């Protein structure tokens, strides 16, 4: 594989030029952190309200904010007192 070149146009700009290499591997990738739970792609905050909790929905593969817990697979163990 001869000369590989690329550019990522963001601030600050990242540019690269490589030659005589068969592969390129990124050593560090940094992505800005989400600012809120709703920024995450696997969280649905549609019915968020006071007292809501996040429940994982295995069918959709997302966490859903809800105040109603109706799932036969849920076990809440409060410990022994």
Protein backbone atom coordinates (compact mmCIF):
# COMPACT_ATOMS: atom_id res chain seq x y z
CA UNK A 1 0.00 0.00 0.00
CA UNK A 2 1.51 3.28 -0.98
CA UNK A 3 1.03 6.72 0.57
CA UNK A 4 -1.93 7.11 2.90
CA UNK A 5 -3.15 10.57 3.78
CA UNK A 6 -6.09 11.93 5.69
CA UNK A 7 -7.48 14.95 7.47
CA UNK A 8 -10.01 15.52 10.22
CA UNK A 9 -11.51 18.98 10.08
CA UNK A 10 -12.25 20.03 13.64
CA UNK A 11 -10.73 22.55 15.95
CA UNK A 12 -7.81 22.01 16.27
CA UNK A 13 -7.29 20.50 12.81
CA UNK A 14 -5.60 17.10 12.65
CA UNK A 15 -3.72 16.18 9.49
CA UNK A 16 -1.58 13.19 8.65
CA UNK A 17 0.55 11.95 5.81
CA UNK A 18 2.02 8.44 5.82
CA UNK A 19 3.94 6.41 3.28
CA UNK A 20 5.18 2.84 2.92
CA UNK A 21 2.89 1.52 5.68
CA UNK A 22 0.48 -1.39 5.38
CA UNK A 23 -1.80 -0.29 8.24
CA UNK A 24 -2.54 2.61 10.55
CA UNK A 25 -3.71 2.29 14.16
CA UNK A 26 -5.01 5.12 16.34
CA UNK A 27 -3.29 5.23 19.69
CA UNK A 28 -5.61 7.69 21.44
CA UNK A 29 -9.16 8.66 20.65
CA UNK A 30 -10.88 11.27 22.80
CA UNK A 31 -14.59 12.00 22.55
CA UNK A 32 -16.31 14.74 24.54
CA UNK A 33 -18.33 13.47 27.48
CA UNK A 34 -22.15 13.68 27.33
CA UNK A 35 -23.65 16.55 29.26
CA UNK A 36 -26.87 14.76 30.28
CA UNK A 37 -28.28 11.23 30.35
CA UNK A 38 -30.52 12.12 27.42
CA UNK A 39 -27.38 12.72 25.32
CA UNK A 40 -26.60 8.99 25.44
CA UNK A 41 -27.90 6.98 22.47
CA UNK A 42 -29.07 4.07 24.64
CA UNK A 43 -31.21 6.13 27.07
CA UNK A 44 -34.81 7.17 26.40
CA UNK A 45 -35.96 10.02 28.64
CA UNK A 46 -39.43 10.45 27.10
CA UNK A 47 -41.46 9.93 30.28
CA UNK A 48 -39.09 11.41 32.83
CA UNK A 49 -40.84 12.78 35.92
CA UNK A 50 -40.17 13.27 39.61
CA UNK A 51 -39.39 9.84 41.13
CA UNK A 52 -38.48 8.19 37.80
CA UNK A 53 -35.82 5.48 37.59
CA UNK A 54 -33.98 3.95 34.64
CA UNK A 55 -35.07 0.43 33.68
CA UNK A 56 -33.23 -1.57 31.01
CA UNK A 57 -35.43 -2.80 28.16
CA UNK A 58 -33.88 -5.96 26.71
CA UNK A 59 -36.05 -5.77 23.59
CA UNK A 60 -34.92 -2.28 22.53
CA UNK A 61 -31.49 -2.46 24.17
CA UNK A 62 -32.08 0.90 25.83
CA UNK A 63 -32.57 2.27 29.32
CA UNK A 64 -36.01 3.85 29.75
CA UNK A 65 -36.98 6.42 32.38
CA UNK A 66 -40.19 5.34 34.12
CA UNK A 67 -42.13 5.65 37.36
CA UNK A 68 -43.91 2.31 36.85
CA UNK A 69 -42.00 -0.90 37.52
CA UNK A 70 -43.90 -3.83 36.03
CA UNK A 71 -41.39 -6.51 35.09
CA UNK A 72 -41.54 -10.13 36.24
CA UNK A 73 -37.73 -10.36 36.00
CA UNK A 74 -37.14 -7.59 38.55
CA UNK A 75 -35.99 -8.52 42.04
CA UNK A 76 -35.43 -5.89 44.71
CA UNK A 77 -33.47 -7.27 47.64
CA UNK A 78 -33.36 -4.85 50.55
CA UNK A 79 -31.06 -6.91 52.74
CA UNK A 80 -31.62 -8.45 56.17
CA UNK A 81 -32.41 -6.37 59.22
